[in-house]
Amino acid sequence: MANPRATFQKRQREMGLKDKARAKQERRAAKRTEIRTTKGPEIAWDEQVFATESSDDPADAPSADPEAVPPTE
């Protein structure tokens, strides 16, 4: 006959693993059904933003607006 103590310990171990797996599955299901109001990481709205200076001459840079007509001379 098997050692009852070892059998009990094995059963306890298996039950613990099942409980952990069930809890993990519940957490994942809750996260899947959670309604999100944003699509990305939160951005601090009160954080200061500093402009960076470029060494390029802005007159030579191409326009960001494709409909913009270059000035004629």
PDB file of N, CA and C in Angstrom:
ATOM      1  N   MET A   1       0.843  -1.183   0.000  1.00  0.00           N
ATOM      2  CA  MET A   1       0.000   0.000   0.000  1.00  0.00           C
ATOM      3  C   MET A   1       0.889   1.247   0.000  1.00  0.00           C
ATOM      4  N   ALA A   2       0.425   2.281  -0.679  1.00  0.00           N
ATOM      5  CA  ALA A   2       1.192   3.521  -0.795  1.00  0.00           C
ATOM      6  C   ALA A   2       1.222   4.239   0.546  1.00  0.00           C
ATOM      7  N   ASN A   3       2.242   5.041   0.694  1.00  0.00           N
ATOM      8  CA  ASN A   3       2.390   5.830   1.909  1.00  0.00           C
ATOM      9  C   ASN A   3       1.287   6.887   1.933  1.00  0.00           C
ATOM     10  N   PRO A   4       0.375   6.855   2.917  1.00  0.00           N
ATOM     11  CA  PRO A   4      -0.738   7.824   2.921  1.00  0.00           C
ATOM     12  C   PRO A   4      -0.267   9.266   3.058  1.00  0.00           C
ATOM     13  N   ARG A   5       0.842   9.464   3.765  1.00  0.00           N
ATOM     14  CA  ARG A   5       1.337  10.830   3.942  1.00  0.00           C
ATOM     15  C   ARG A   5       1.815  11.397   2.600  1.00  0.00           C
ATOM     16  N   ALA A   6       2.562  10.597   1.835  1.00  0.00           N
ATOM     17  CA  ALA A   6       3.062  11.043   0.531  1.00  0.00           C
ATOM     18  C   ALA A   6       1.903  11.285  -0.426  1.00  0.00           C
ATOM     19  N   THR A   7       0.893  10.419  -0.375  1.00  0.00           N
ATOM     20  CA  THR A   7      -0.268  10.589  -1.243  1.00  0.00           C
ATOM     21  C   THR A   7      -1.002  11.888  -0.910  1.00  0.00           C
ATOM     22  N   PHE A   8      -1.144  12.165   0.389  1.00  0.00           N
ATOM     23  CA  PHE A   8      -1.813  13.392   0.815  1.00  0.00           C
ATOM     24  C   PHE A   8      -1.020  14.617   0.373  1.00  0.00           C
ATOM     25  N   GLN A   9       0.300  14.575   0.505  1.00  0.00           N
ATOM     26  CA  GLN A   9       1.128  15.711   0.097  1.00  0.00           C
ATOM     27  C   GLN A   9       1.038  15.943  -1.413  1.00  0.00           C
ATOM     28  N   LYS A  10       1.029  14.839  -2.163  1.00  0.00           N
ATOM     29  CA  LYS A  10       0.905  14.968  -3.613  1.00  0.00           C
ATOM     30  C   LYS A  10      -0.430  15.587  -3.986  1.00  0.00           C
ATOM     31  N   ARG A  11      -1.490  15.146  -3.337  1.00  0.00           N
ATOM     32  CA  ARG A  11      -2.814  15.687  -3.611  1.00  0.00           C
ATOM     33  C   ARG A  11      -2.874  17.175  -3.234  1.00  0.00           C
ATOM     34  N   GLN A  12      -2.260  17.539  -2.118  1.00  0.00           N
ATOM     35  CA  GLN A  12      -2.232  18.950  -1.704  1.00  0.00           C
ATOM     36  C   GLN A  12      -1.488  19.797  -2.739  1.00  0.00           C
ATOM     37  N   ARG A  13      -0.354  19.269  -3.221  1.00  0.00           N
ATOM     38  CA  ARG A  13       0.428  19.975  -4.230  1.00  0.00           C
ATOM     39  C   ARG A  13      -0.396  20.179  -5.504  1.00  0.00           C
ATOM     40  N   GLU A  14      -1.057  19.135  -5.951  1.00  0.00           N
ATOM     41  CA  GLU A  14      -1.870  19.226  -7.167  1.00  0.00           C
ATOM     42  C   GLU A  14      -3.034  20.189  -6.994  1.00  0.00           C
ATOM     43  N   MET A  15      -3.658  20.171  -5.832  1.00  0.00           N
ATOM     44  CA  MET A  15      -4.768  21.102  -5.574  1.00  0.00           C
ATOM     45  C   MET A  15      -4.268  22.547  -5.554  1.00  0.00           C
ATOM     46  N   GLY A  16      -3.091  22.756  -4.988  1.00  0.00           N
ATOM     47  CA  GLY A  16      -2.504  24.097  -4.974  1.00  0.00           C
ATOM     48  C   GLY A  16      -2.232  24.600  -6.380  1.00  0.00           C
ATOM     49  N   LEU A  17      -1.691  23.713  -7.218  1.00  0.00           N
ATOM     50  CA  LEU A  17      -1.423  24.105  -8.603  1.00  0.00           C
ATOM     51  C   LEU A  17      -2.711  24.402  -9.354  1.00  0.00           C
ATOM     52  N   LYS A  18      -3.734  23.605  -9.113  1.00  0.00           N
ATOM     53  CA  LYS A  18      -5.026  23.856  -9.769  1.00  0.00           C
ATOM     54  C   LYS A  18      -5.613  25.184  -9.314  1.00  0.00           C
ATOM     55  N   ASP A  19      -5.511  25.476  -8.023  1.00  0.00           N
ATOM     56  CA  ASP A  19      -6.032  26.741  -7.512  1.00  0.00           C
ATOM     57  C   ASP A  19      -5.293  27.928  -8.129  1.00  0.00           C
ATOM     58  N   LYS A  20      -3.967  27.816  -8.232  1.00  0.00           N
ATOM     59  CA  LYS A  20      -3.188  28.897  -8.836  1.00  0.00           C
ATOM     60  C   LYS A  20      -3.570  29.083 -10.300  1.00  0.00           C
ATOM     61  N   ALA A  21      -3.747  27.983 -11.023  1.00  0.00           N
ATOM     62  CA  ALA A  21      -4.116  28.067 -12.442  1.00  0.00           C
ATOM     63  C   ALA A  21      -5.506  28.675 -12.605  1.00  0.00           C
ATOM     64  N   ARG A  22      -6.425  28.297 -11.724  1.00  0.00           N
ATOM     65  CA  ARG A  22      -7.781  28.839 -11.789  1.00  0.00           C
ATOM     66  C   ARG A  22      -7.772  30.337 -11.500  1.00  0.00           C
ATOM     67  N   ALA A  23      -6.986  30.765 -10.502  1.00  0.00           N
ATOM     68  CA  ALA A  23      -6.904  32.187 -10.166  1.00  0.00           C
ATOM     69  C   ALA A  23      -6.294  32.971 -11.329  1.00  0.00           C
ATOM     70  N   LYS A  24      -5.268  32.394 -11.957  1.00  0.00           N
ATOM     71  CA  LYS A  24      -4.642  33.064 -13.095  1.00  0.00           C
ATOM     72  C   LYS A  24      -5.632  33.203 -14.247  1.00  0.00           C
ATOM     73  N   GLN A  25      -6.373  32.150 -14.514  1.00  0.00           N
ATOM     74  CA  GLN A  25      -7.360  32.188 -15.590  1.00  0.00           C
ATOM     75  C   GLN A  25      -8.435  33.230 -15.314  1.00  0.00           C
ATOM     76  N   GLU A  26      -8.860  33.343 -14.057  1.00  0.00           N
ATOM     77  CA  GLU A  26      -9.867  34.354 -13.702  1.00  0.00           C
ATOM     78  C   GLU A  26      -9.313  35.761 -13.887  1.00  0.00           C
ATOM     79  N   ARG A  27      -8.050  35.979 -13.499  1.00  0.00           N
ATOM     80  CA  ARG A  27      -7.437  37.302 -13.686  1.00  0.00           C
ATOM     81  C   ARG A  27      -7.345  37.652 -15.165  1.00  0.00           C
ATOM     82  N   ARG A  28      -6.935  36.686 -15.983  1.00  0.00           N
ATOM     83  CA  ARG A  28      -6.815  36.939 -17.413  1.00  0.00           C
ATOM     84  C   ARG A  28      -8.180  37.208 -18.043  1.00  0.00           C
ATOM     85  N   ALA A  29      -9.196  36.473 -17.616  1.00  0.00           N
ATOM     86  CA  ALA A  29     -10.546  36.688 -18.158  1.00  0.00           C
ATOM     87  C   ALA A  29     -11.069  38.062 -17.757  1.00  0.00           C
ATOM     88  N   ALA A  30     -10.790  38.468 -16.511  1.00  0.00           N
ATOM     89  CA  ALA A  30     -11.237  39.788 -16.055  1.00  0.00           C
ATOM     90  C   ALA A  30     -10.539  40.884 -16.843  1.00  0.00           C
ATOM     91  N   LYS A  31      -9.258  40.686 -17.143  1.00  0.00           N
ATOM     92  CA  LYS A  31      -8.521  41.690 -17.889  1.00  0.00           C
ATOM     93  C   LYS A  31      -9.029  41.784 -19.328  1.00  0.00           C
ATOM     94  N   ARG A  32      -9.412  40.649 -19.909  1.00  0.00           N
ATOM     95  CA  ARG A  32      -9.935  40.648 -21.275  1.00  0.00           C
ATOM     96  C   ARG A  32     -11.265  41.379 -21.369  1.00  0.00           C
ATOM     97  N   THR A  33     -12.100  41.258 -20.360  1.00  0.00           N
ATOM     98  CA  THR A  33     -13.424  41.871 -20.414  1.00  0.00           C
ATOM     99  C   THR A  33     -13.424  43.305 -19.891  1.00  0.00           C
ATOM    100  N   GLU A  34     -12.291  43.755 -19.362  1.00  0.00           N
ATOM    101  CA  GLU A  34     -12.194  45.106 -18.814  1.00  0.00           C
ATOM    102  C   GLU A  34     -12.339  46.126 -19.944  1.00  0.00           C
ATOM    103  N   ILE A  35     -13.143  47.145 -19.714  1.00  0.00           N
ATOM    104  CA  ILE A  35     -13.350  48.193 -20.712  1.00  0.00           C
ATOM    105  C   ILE A  35     -12.300  49.268 -20.495  1.00  0.00           C
ATOM    106  N   ARG A  36     -11.542  49.539 -21.533  1.00  0.00           N
ATOM    107  CA  ARG A  36     -10.476  50.536 -21.431  1.00  0.00           C
ATOM    108  C   ARG A  36     -10.945  51.852 -22.031  1.00  0.00           C
ATOM    109  N   THR A  37     -10.557  52.942 -21.394  1.00  0.00           N
ATOM    110  CA  THR A  37     -10.922  54.257 -21.907  1.00  0.00           C
ATOM    111  C   THR A  37      -9.810  54.840 -22.761  1.00  0.00           C
ATOM    112  N   THR A  38      -8.610  54.309 -22.636  1.00  0.00           N
ATOM    113  CA  THR A  38      -7.482  54.780 -23.430  1.00  0.00           C
ATOM    114  C   THR A  38      -6.871  53.607 -24.167  1.00  0.00           C
ATOM    115  N   LYS A  39      -6.068  53.913 -25.168  1.00  0.00           N
ATOM    116  CA  LYS A  39      -5.460  52.848 -25.960  1.00  0.00           C
ATOM    117  C   LYS A  39      -3.971  52.704 -25.705  1.00  0.00           C
ATOM    118  N   GLY A  40      -3.416  53.431 -24.815  1.00  0.00           N
ATOM    119  CA  GLY A  40      -1.981  53.328 -24.598  1.00  0.00           C
ATOM    120  C   GLY A  40      -1.607  53.759 -23.208  1.00  0.00           C
ATOM    121  N   PRO A  41      -0.335  53.943 -22.987  1.00  0.00           N
ATOM    122  CA  PRO A  41       0.097  54.374 -21.659  1.00  0.00           C
ATOM    123  C   PRO A  41      -0.376  55.792 -21.369  1.00  0.00           C
ATOM    124  N   GLU A  42      -0.636  56.053 -20.127  1.00  0.00           N
ATOM    125  CA  GLU A  42      -1.078  57.381 -19.726  1.00  0.00           C
ATOM    126  C   GLU A  42       0.063  58.385 -19.895  1.00  0.00           C
ATOM    127  N   ILE A  43      -0.252  59.545 -20.393  1.00  0.00           N
ATOM    128  CA  ILE A  43       0.727  60.603 -20.583  1.00  0.00           C
ATOM    129  C   ILE A  43       0.420  61.696 -19.582  1.00  0.00           C
ATOM    130  N   ALA A  44       1.449  62.160 -18.903  1.00  0.00           N
ATOM    131  CA  ALA A  44       1.266  63.201 -17.900  1.00  0.00           C
ATOM    132  C   ALA A  44       0.906  64.501 -18.613  1.00  0.00           C
ATOM    133  N   TRP A  45      -0.282  65.008 -18.370  1.00  0.00           N
ATOM    134  CA  TRP A  45      -0.730  66.220 -19.056  1.00  0.00           C
ATOM    135  C   TRP A  45      -0.065  67.464 -18.492  1.00  0.00           C
ATOM    136  N   ASP A  46       0.462  67.390 -17.272  1.00  0.00           N
ATOM    137  CA  ASP A  46       1.078  68.570 -16.664  1.00  0.00           C
ATOM    138  C   ASP A  46       2.594  68.585 -16.850  1.00  0.00           C
ATOM    139  N   GLU A  47       3.118  67.657 -17.625  1.00  0.00           N
ATOM    140  CA  GLU A  47       4.557  67.585 -17.844  1.00  0.00           C
ATOM    141  C   GLU A  47       4.962  68.640 -18.858  1.00  0.00           C
ATOM    142  N   GLN A  48       6.061  69.341 -18.573  1.00  0.00           N
ATOM    143  CA  GLN A  48       6.522  70.386 -19.478  1.00  0.00           C
ATOM    144  C   GLN A  48       7.197  69.769 -20.689  1.00  0.00           C
ATOM    145  N   VAL A  49       6.978  70.408 -21.836  1.00  0.00           N
ATOM    146  CA  VAL A  49       7.590  69.966 -23.072  1.00  0.00           C
ATOM    147  C   VAL A  49       8.481  71.087 -23.571  1.00  0.00           C
ATOM    148  N   PHE A  50       9.717  70.748 -23.906  1.00  0.00           N
ATOM    149  CA  PHE A  50      10.664  71.740 -24.376  1.00  0.00           C
ATOM    150  C   PHE A  50      10.936  71.507 -25.850  1.00  0.00           C
ATOM    151  N   ALA A  51      10.934  72.583 -26.616  1.00  0.00           N
ATOM    152  CA  ALA A  51      11.214  72.493 -28.049  1.00  0.00           C
ATOM    153  C   ALA A  51      12.692  72.229 -28.250  1.00  0.00           C
ATOM    154  N   THR A  52      13.012  71.413 -29.212  1.00  0.00           N
ATOM    155  CA  THR A  52      14.410  71.150 -29.528  1.00  0.00           C
ATOM    156  C   THR A  52      14.781  71.967 -30.748  1.00  0.00           C
ATOM    157  N   GLU A  53      15.990  72.450 -30.762  1.00  0.00           N
ATOM    158  CA  GLU A  53      16.458  73.256 -31.887  1.00  0.00           C
ATOM    159  C   GLU A  53      17.161  72.351 -32.878  1.00  0.00           C
ATOM    160  N   SER A  54      16.941  72.630 -34.136  1.00  0.00           N
ATOM    161  CA  SER A  54      17.548  71.855 -35.197  1.00  0.00           C
ATOM    162  C   SER A  54      18.630  72.677 -35.864  1.00  0.00           C
ATOM    163  N   SER A  55      19.676  72.009 -36.348  1.00  0.00           N
ATOM    164  CA  SER A  55      20.743  72.727 -37.040  1.00  0.00           C
ATOM    165  C   SER A  55      20.372  73.003 -38.501  1.00  0.00           C
ATOM    166  N   ASP A  56      19.310  72.366 -38.979  1.00  0.00           N
ATOM    167  CA  ASP A  56      18.867  72.572 -40.356  1.00  0.00           C
ATOM    168  C   ASP A  56      18.175  73.927 -40.479  1.00  0.00           C
ATOM    169  N   ASP A  57      18.302  74.516 -41.653  1.00  0.00           N
ATOM    170  CA  ASP A  57      17.626  75.779 -41.918  1.00  0.00           C
ATOM    171  C   ASP A  57      16.161  75.473 -42.223  1.00  0.00           C
ATOM    172  N   PRO A  58      15.205  76.033 -41.475  1.00  0.00           N
ATOM    173  CA  PRO A  58      13.797  75.712 -41.709  1.00  0.00           C
ATOM    174  C   PRO A  58      13.307  76.106 -43.095  1.00  0.00           C
ATOM    175  N   ALA A  59      13.951  77.073 -43.760  1.00  0.00           N
ATOM    176  CA  ALA A  59      13.524  77.475 -45.097  1.00  0.00           C
ATOM    177  C   ALA A  59      13.828  76.369 -46.115  1.00  0.00           C
ATOM    178  N   ASP A  60      14.854  75.586 -45.872  1.00  0.00           N
ATOM    179  CA  ASP A  60      15.232  74.516 -46.799  1.00  0.00           C
ATOM    180  C   ASP A  60      14.460  73.225 -46.538  1.00  0.00           C
ATOM    181  N   ALA A  61      13.834  73.115 -45.390  1.00  0.00           N
ATOM    182  CA  ALA A  61      13.134  71.884 -45.031  1.00  0.00           C
ATOM    183  C   ALA A  61      11.869  71.735 -45.860  1.00  0.00           C
ATOM    184  N   PRO A  62      11.530  70.518 -46.284  1.00  0.00           N
ATOM    185  CA  PRO A  62      10.294  70.324 -47.052  1.00  0.00           C
ATOM    186  C   PRO A  62       9.078  70.578 -46.168  1.00  0.00           C
ATOM    187  N   SER A  63       8.033  71.030 -46.799  1.00  0.00           N
ATOM    188  CA  SER A  63       6.814  71.351 -46.076  1.00  0.00           C
ATOM    189  C   SER A  63       6.101  70.075 -45.645  1.00  0.00           C
ATOM    190  N   ALA A  64       5.486  70.104 -44.476  1.00  0.00           N
ATOM    191  CA  ALA A  64       4.741  68.946 -43.986  1.00  0.00           C
ATOM    192  C   ALA A  64       3.392  68.849 -44.689  1.00  0.00           C
ATOM    193  N   ASP A  65       2.917  69.952 -45.258  1.00  0.00           N
ATOM    194  CA  ASP A  65       1.628  69.986 -45.938  1.00  0.00           C
ATOM    195  C   ASP A  65       1.833  69.665 -47.419  1.00  0.00           C
ATOM    196  N   PRO A  66       1.323  68.539 -47.910  1.00  0.00           N
ATOM    197  CA  PRO A  66       1.541  68.203 -49.322  1.00  0.00           C
ATOM    198  C   PRO A  66       0.815  69.136 -50.270  1.00  0.00           C
ATOM    199  N   GLU A  67      -0.203  69.835 -49.822  1.00  0.00           N
ATOM    200  CA  GLU A  67      -0.947  70.764 -50.671  1.00  0.00           C
ATOM    201  C   GLU A  67      -0.293  72.144 -50.750  1.00  0.00           C
ATOM    202  N   ALA A  68       0.724  72.364 -49.941  1.00  0.00           N
ATOM    203  CA  ALA A  68       1.381  73.670 -49.905  1.00  0.00           C
ATOM    204  C   ALA A  68       2.124  73.905 -51.216  1.00  0.00           C
ATOM    205  N   VAL A  69       2.006  75.104 -51.720  1.00  0.00           N
ATOM    206  CA  VAL A  69       2.658  75.481 -52.967  1.00  0.00           C
ATOM    207  C   VAL A  69       3.924  76.237 -52.599  1.00  0.00           C
ATOM    208  N   PRO A  70       5.077  75.857 -53.165  1.00  0.00           N
ATOM    209  CA  PRO A  70       6.297  76.580 -52.827  1.00  0.00           C
ATOM    210  C   PRO A  70       6.229  78.002 -53.374  1.00  0.00           C
ATOM    211  N   PRO A  71       6.811  78.934 -52.649  1.00  0.00           N
ATOM    212  CA  PRO A  71       6.758  80.329 -53.104  1.00  0.00           C
ATOM    213  C   PRO A  71       7.550  80.499 -54.398  1.00  0.00           C
ATOM    214  N   THR A  72       7.000  81.284 -55.309  1.00  0.00           N
ATOM    215  CA  THR A  72       7.681  81.553 -56.588  1.00  0.00           C
ATOM    216  C   THR A  72       8.326  82.924 -56.518  1.00  0.00           C
ATOM    217  N   GLU A  73       9.479  83.028 -57.179  1.00  0.00           N
ATOM    218  CA  GLU A  73      10.193  84.312 -57.148  1.00  0.00           C
ATOM    219  C   GLU A  73      10.114  85.018 -58.441  1.00  0.00           C
TER     220      GLU A  73
END
